Amino acid sequence: MSLIADTPKPPYYAVIFTSLRTEGDNGYAQMADRMVELASKQPGFLGLESAREEVGITVSYWSDLESIKQWKADVEHQEAQRLGHERWYSSFKTRISKVERDYGI
């Protein structure tokens, strides 16, 4: 997977997940890898970008809002969300936005 997602011509949607981690891994890395693998197989998934220093930011791109809704409802993803609340994140925020323009080299 490329570090910068190769998204199609807009419009499409971005789910921006910003987080602060708790201490230790506690199974986080394995679950994060599984979520990337699983998300990439979901209908409407377009790509993903992620970075972590003090604050983690993961942006996933989706063709439509229904695809995002289906991903949120995925059983394995719901388990990851539950564990995130319980063990992995001291704080997080999820934002969904419509991408109307993009450009770059």
N, C-alpha and C. Protein backbone atom coordinates (compact mmCIF):
# COMPACT_ATOMS: atom_id res chain seq x y z
N MET A 1 0.84 -1.17 0.00
CA MET A 1 0.00 0.00 0.00
C MET A 1 0.89 1.24 0.00
N SER A 2 0.59 2.16 -0.87
CA SER A 2 1.34 3.41 -0.97
C SER A 2 1.15 4.26 0.28
N LEU A 3 2.12 5.09 0.60
CA LEU A 3 2.00 5.98 1.75
C LEU A 3 0.95 7.07 1.53
N ILE A 4 0.77 7.46 0.27
CA ILE A 4 -0.26 8.43 -0.09
C ILE A 4 -1.28 7.71 -0.95
N ALA A 5 -2.54 7.72 -0.51
CA ALA A 5 -3.60 7.00 -1.21
C ALA A 5 -3.81 7.57 -2.62
N ASP A 6 -4.00 6.67 -3.56
CA ASP A 6 -4.28 7.04 -4.95
C ASP A 6 -5.80 7.09 -5.12
N THR A 7 -6.38 8.21 -4.75
CA THR A 7 -7.83 8.36 -4.77
C THR A 7 -8.32 8.78 -6.15
N PRO A 8 -9.59 8.49 -6.44
CA PRO A 8 -10.16 8.88 -7.73
C PRO A 8 -10.50 10.37 -7.76
N LYS A 9 -11.01 10.80 -8.86
CA LYS A 9 -11.47 12.18 -9.00
C LYS A 9 -12.62 12.41 -8.02
N PRO A 10 -12.61 13.53 -7.28
CA PRO A 10 -13.70 13.83 -6.34
C PRO A 10 -15.03 13.99 -7.09
N PRO A 11 -16.12 13.87 -6.36
CA PRO A 11 -16.23 13.81 -4.91
C PRO A 11 -16.11 12.39 -4.36
N TYR A 12 -15.61 12.31 -3.14
CA TYR A 12 -15.58 11.08 -2.35
C TYR A 12 -15.50 11.53 -0.89
N TYR A 13 -15.43 10.60 0.02
CA TYR A 13 -15.48 10.93 1.45
C TYR A 13 -14.21 10.51 2.17
N ALA A 14 -13.88 11.26 3.22
CA ALA A 14 -12.73 10.96 4.07
C ALA A 14 -13.22 10.77 5.50
N VAL A 15 -12.77 9.69 6.12
CA VAL A 15 -13.00 9.48 7.55
C VAL A 15 -11.66 9.76 8.22
N ILE A 16 -11.63 10.75 9.07
CA ILE A 16 -10.40 11.19 9.73
C ILE A 16 -10.47 10.76 11.19
N PHE A 17 -9.58 9.86 11.56
CA PHE A 17 -9.54 9.33 12.93
C PHE A 17 -8.28 9.85 13.60
N THR A 18 -8.44 10.69 14.61
CA THR A 18 -7.33 11.29 15.34
C THR A 18 -7.33 10.70 16.74
N SER A 19 -6.16 10.28 17.23
CA SER A 19 -6.15 9.58 18.52
C SER A 19 -4.88 9.84 19.33
N LEU A 20 -5.05 9.66 20.63
CA LEU A 20 -3.94 9.61 21.58
C LEU A 20 -3.96 8.21 22.16
N ARG A 21 -2.82 7.53 22.13
CA ARG A 21 -2.72 6.14 22.59
C ARG A 21 -2.44 6.07 24.09
N THR A 22 -2.82 4.94 24.66
CA THR A 22 -2.43 4.60 26.02
C THR A 22 -1.04 3.97 25.95
N GLU A 23 -0.44 3.70 27.11
CA GLU A 23 0.88 3.07 27.16
C GLU A 23 0.80 1.60 26.73
N GLY A 24 1.86 1.13 26.08
CA GLY A 24 1.96 -0.29 25.72
C GLY A 24 1.17 -0.63 24.47
N ASP A 25 1.50 -1.79 23.90
CA ASP A 25 0.84 -2.23 22.68
C ASP A 25 -0.49 -2.92 22.96
N ASN A 26 -0.49 -3.87 23.88
CA ASN A 26 -1.72 -4.57 24.29
C ASN A 26 -2.53 -5.13 23.12
N GLY A 27 -1.83 -5.61 22.08
CA GLY A 27 -2.50 -6.19 20.92
C GLY A 27 -2.88 -5.18 19.86
N TYR A 28 -2.51 -3.92 20.05
CA TYR A 28 -2.91 -2.86 19.12
C TYR A 28 -2.37 -3.07 17.71
N ALA A 29 -1.08 -3.32 17.58
CA ALA A 29 -0.46 -3.41 16.25
C ALA A 29 -1.09 -4.51 15.41
N GLN A 30 -1.32 -5.65 16.01
CA GLN A 30 -1.93 -6.76 15.28
C GLN A 30 -3.35 -6.39 14.83
N MET A 31 -4.13 -5.77 15.72
CA MET A 31 -5.49 -5.38 15.35
C MET A 31 -5.48 -4.28 14.30
N ALA A 32 -4.56 -3.34 14.41
CA ALA A 32 -4.49 -2.27 13.41
C ALA A 32 -4.20 -2.84 12.03
N ASP A 33 -3.26 -3.78 11.95
CA ASP A 33 -2.96 -4.43 10.67
C ASP A 33 -4.18 -5.16 10.12
N ARG A 34 -4.91 -5.84 11.00
CA ARG A 34 -6.11 -6.57 10.58
C ARG A 34 -7.18 -5.60 10.07
N MET A 35 -7.32 -4.45 10.72
CA MET A 35 -8.34 -3.49 10.29
C MET A 35 -8.01 -2.91 8.92
N VAL A 36 -6.74 -2.67 8.65
CA VAL A 36 -6.35 -2.19 7.32
C VAL A 36 -6.66 -3.25 6.27
N GLU A 37 -6.31 -4.48 6.58
CA GLU A 37 -6.59 -5.60 5.66
C GLU A 37 -8.09 -5.72 5.41
N LEU A 38 -8.88 -5.68 6.47
CA LEU A 38 -10.33 -5.84 6.35
C LEU A 38 -10.97 -4.66 5.64
N ALA A 39 -10.58 -3.44 6.01
CA ALA A 39 -11.15 -2.24 5.37
C ALA A 39 -10.90 -2.24 3.88
N SER A 40 -9.69 -2.65 3.49
CA SER A 40 -9.33 -2.62 2.06
C SER A 40 -10.19 -3.56 1.22
N LYS A 41 -10.88 -4.49 1.86
CA LYS A 41 -11.76 -5.43 1.14
C LYS A 41 -13.22 -4.98 1.13
N GLN A 42 -13.52 -3.89 1.81
CA GLN A 42 -14.89 -3.42 1.92
C GLN A 42 -15.33 -2.70 0.64
N PRO A 43 -16.59 -2.90 0.23
CA PRO A 43 -17.12 -2.14 -0.90
C PRO A 43 -17.02 -0.64 -0.61
N GLY A 44 -16.58 0.11 -1.59
CA GLY A 44 -16.48 1.55 -1.45
C GLY A 44 -15.18 2.07 -0.88
N PHE A 45 -14.30 1.18 -0.40
CA PHE A 45 -13.01 1.61 0.15
C PHE A 45 -12.12 2.10 -0.99
N LEU A 46 -11.49 3.27 -0.80
CA LEU A 46 -10.64 3.86 -1.85
C LEU A 46 -9.17 3.94 -1.47
N GLY A 47 -8.85 3.94 -0.19
CA GLY A 47 -7.46 4.06 0.22
C GLY A 47 -7.34 4.51 1.66
N LEU A 48 -6.09 4.59 2.13
CA LEU A 48 -5.83 4.91 3.53
C LEU A 48 -4.46 5.57 3.66
N GLU A 49 -4.38 6.53 4.57
CA GLU A 49 -3.12 7.17 4.93
C GLU A 49 -3.06 7.22 6.45
N SER A 50 -1.89 6.99 7.02
CA SER A 50 -1.79 6.97 8.47
C SER A 50 -0.41 7.44 8.92
N ALA A 51 -0.39 8.18 10.03
CA ALA A 51 0.86 8.65 10.63
C ALA A 51 0.69 8.71 12.14
N ARG A 52 1.78 8.45 12.86
CA ARG A 52 1.71 8.51 14.32
C ARG A 52 3.01 9.07 14.87
N GLU A 53 2.87 10.10 15.63
CA GLU A 53 3.94 10.62 16.49
C GLU A 53 3.30 10.70 17.86
N GLU A 54 3.15 11.89 18.40
CA GLU A 54 2.40 12.03 19.65
C GLU A 54 0.91 11.79 19.40
N VAL A 55 0.43 12.31 18.29
CA VAL A 55 -0.97 12.15 17.89
C VAL A 55 -1.00 11.24 16.67
N GLY A 56 -1.91 10.29 16.68
CA GLY A 56 -2.09 9.42 15.51
C GLY A 56 -3.20 9.98 14.65
N ILE A 57 -2.98 9.96 13.34
CA ILE A 57 -4.01 10.40 12.40
C ILE A 57 -4.10 9.36 11.29
N THR A 58 -5.28 8.80 11.13
CA THR A 58 -5.54 7.87 10.04
C THR A 58 -6.70 8.42 9.24
N VAL A 59 -6.50 8.51 7.93
CA VAL A 59 -7.54 8.98 7.04
C VAL A 59 -7.87 7.85 6.08
N SER A 60 -9.11 7.41 6.10
CA SER A 60 -9.54 6.42 5.11
C SER A 60 -10.50 7.10 4.15
N TYR A 61 -10.45 6.68 2.90
CA TYR A 61 -11.23 7.30 1.84
C TYR A 61 -12.27 6.31 1.33
N TRP A 62 -13.48 6.84 1.10
CA TRP A 62 -14.62 6.00 0.74
C TRP A 62 -15.42 6.64 -0.38
N SER A 63 -16.04 5.81 -1.19
CA SER A 63 -16.80 6.32 -2.33
C SER A 63 -18.10 7.01 -1.92
N ASP A 64 -18.71 6.59 -0.80
CA ASP A 64 -20.00 7.14 -0.40
C ASP A 64 -20.24 6.93 1.09
N LEU A 65 -21.26 7.60 1.60
CA LEU A 65 -21.57 7.53 3.02
C LEU A 65 -22.09 6.14 3.43
N GLU A 66 -22.79 5.47 2.55
CA GLU A 66 -23.29 4.13 2.86
C GLU A 66 -22.14 3.16 3.09
N SER A 67 -21.07 3.27 2.32
CA SER A 67 -19.89 2.42 2.52
C SER A 67 -19.27 2.65 3.89
N ILE A 68 -19.22 3.89 4.32
CA ILE A 68 -18.69 4.24 5.64
C ILE A 68 -19.58 3.62 6.72
N LYS A 69 -20.87 3.74 6.54
CA LYS A 69 -21.82 3.17 7.51
C LYS A 69 -21.65 1.66 7.62
N GLN A 70 -21.49 0.98 6.50
CA GLN A 70 -21.30 -0.46 6.50
C GLN A 70 -19.99 -0.85 7.18
N TRP A 71 -18.94 -0.08 6.95
CA TRP A 71 -17.65 -0.36 7.60
C TRP A 71 -17.77 -0.19 9.11
N LYS A 72 -18.43 0.86 9.56
CA LYS A 72 -18.61 1.07 11.00
C LYS A 72 -19.37 -0.09 11.62
N ALA A 73 -20.29 -0.70 10.88
CA ALA A 73 -21.13 -1.78 11.40
C ALA A 73 -20.48 -3.16 11.29
N ASP A 74 -19.34 -3.27 10.61
CA ASP A 74 -18.66 -4.56 10.47
C ASP A 74 -18.35 -5.14 11.85
N VAL A 75 -18.64 -6.43 12.04
CA VAL A 75 -18.51 -7.08 13.35
C VAL A 75 -17.07 -7.01 13.88
N GLU A 76 -16.08 -7.32 13.06
CA GLU A 76 -14.68 -7.25 13.52
C GLU A 76 -14.27 -5.81 13.84
N HIS A 77 -14.75 -4.88 13.03
CA HIS A 77 -14.44 -3.47 13.27
C HIS A 77 -15.09 -3.00 14.57
N GLN A 78 -16.29 -3.48 14.86
CA GLN A 78 -16.95 -3.12 16.12
C GLN A 78 -16.16 -3.63 17.32
N GLU A 79 -15.59 -4.82 17.19
CA GLU A 79 -14.75 -5.36 18.27
C GLU A 79 -13.51 -4.50 18.46
N ALA A 80 -12.90 -4.08 17.35
CA ALA A 80 -11.73 -3.19 17.44
C ALA A 80 -12.11 -1.86 18.09
N GLN A 81 -13.27 -1.35 17.75
CA GLN A 81 -13.75 -0.11 18.37
C GLN A 81 -13.91 -0.29 19.88
N ARG A 82 -14.51 -1.40 20.29
CA ARG A 82 -14.71 -1.68 21.72
C ARG A 82 -13.36 -1.72 22.45
N LEU A 83 -12.40 -2.45 21.87
CA LEU A 83 -11.08 -2.55 22.49
C LEU A 83 -10.37 -1.20 22.51
N GLY A 84 -10.58 -0.41 21.47
CA GLY A 84 -10.01 0.93 21.44
C GLY A 84 -10.49 1.77 22.62
N HIS A 85 -11.79 1.70 22.88
CA HIS A 85 -12.37 2.43 24.01
C HIS A 85 -11.80 1.93 25.33
N GLU A 86 -11.64 0.60 25.44
CA GLU A 86 -11.23 -0.01 26.70
C GLU A 86 -9.73 0.04 26.96
N ARG A 87 -8.89 -0.15 25.91
CA ARG A 87 -7.46 -0.29 26.17
C ARG A 87 -6.51 0.60 25.39
N TRP A 88 -6.83 0.97 24.17
CA TRP A 88 -5.81 1.55 23.30
C TRP A 88 -5.78 3.06 23.22
N TYR A 89 -6.90 3.72 23.47
CA TYR A 89 -6.95 5.17 23.28
C TYR A 89 -7.31 5.89 24.57
N SER A 90 -6.53 6.90 24.89
CA SER A 90 -6.90 7.77 26.01
C SER A 90 -7.85 8.86 25.53
N SER A 91 -7.80 9.14 24.22
CA SER A 91 -8.68 10.13 23.62
C SER A 91 -8.71 9.90 22.11
N PHE A 92 -9.85 10.15 21.49
CA PHE A 92 -9.93 10.06 20.03
C PHE A 92 -11.10 10.87 19.52
N LYS A 93 -11.07 11.16 18.23
CA LYS A 93 -12.16 11.86 17.55
C LYS A 93 -12.22 11.33 16.13
N THR A 94 -13.44 11.11 15.66
CA THR A 94 -13.66 10.69 14.27
C THR A 94 -14.45 11.78 13.56
N ARG A 95 -13.97 12.16 12.39
CA ARG A 95 -14.64 13.18 11.58
C ARG A 95 -14.86 12.61 10.19
N ILE A 96 -15.98 12.94 9.60
CA ILE A 96 -16.28 12.50 8.24
C ILE A 96 -16.50 13.75 7.39
N SER A 97 -15.81 13.80 6.27
CA SER A 97 -15.95 14.97 5.40
C SER A 97 -16.04 14.55 3.94
N LYS A 98 -16.64 15.40 3.16
CA LYS A 98 -16.74 15.19 1.73
C LYS A 98 -15.57 15.90 1.05
N VAL A 99 -14.83 15.17 0.25
CA VAL A 99 -13.71 15.75 -0.50
C VAL A 99 -14.28 16.25 -1.83
N GLU A 100 -14.17 17.53 -2.05
CA GLU A 100 -14.70 18.12 -3.28
C GLU A 100 -13.61 18.48 -4.27
N ARG A 101 -12.38 18.57 -3.76
CA ARG A 101 -11.25 18.93 -4.61
C ARG A 101 -10.01 18.27 -4.06
N ASP A 102 -9.12 17.81 -4.92
CA ASP A 102 -7.80 17.39 -4.50
C ASP A 102 -6.81 17.68 -5.61
N TYR A 103 -5.57 17.86 -5.25
CA TYR A 103 -4.52 18.12 -6.23
C TYR A 103 -3.18 17.80 -5.60
N GLY A 104 -2.19 17.57 -6.39
CA GLY A 104 -0.86 17.27 -5.90
C GLY A 104 0.03 16.80 -7.06
N ILE A 105 1.20 16.34 -6.68
CA ILE A 105 2.13 15.83 -7.69
C ILE A 105 2.41 14.37 -7.44
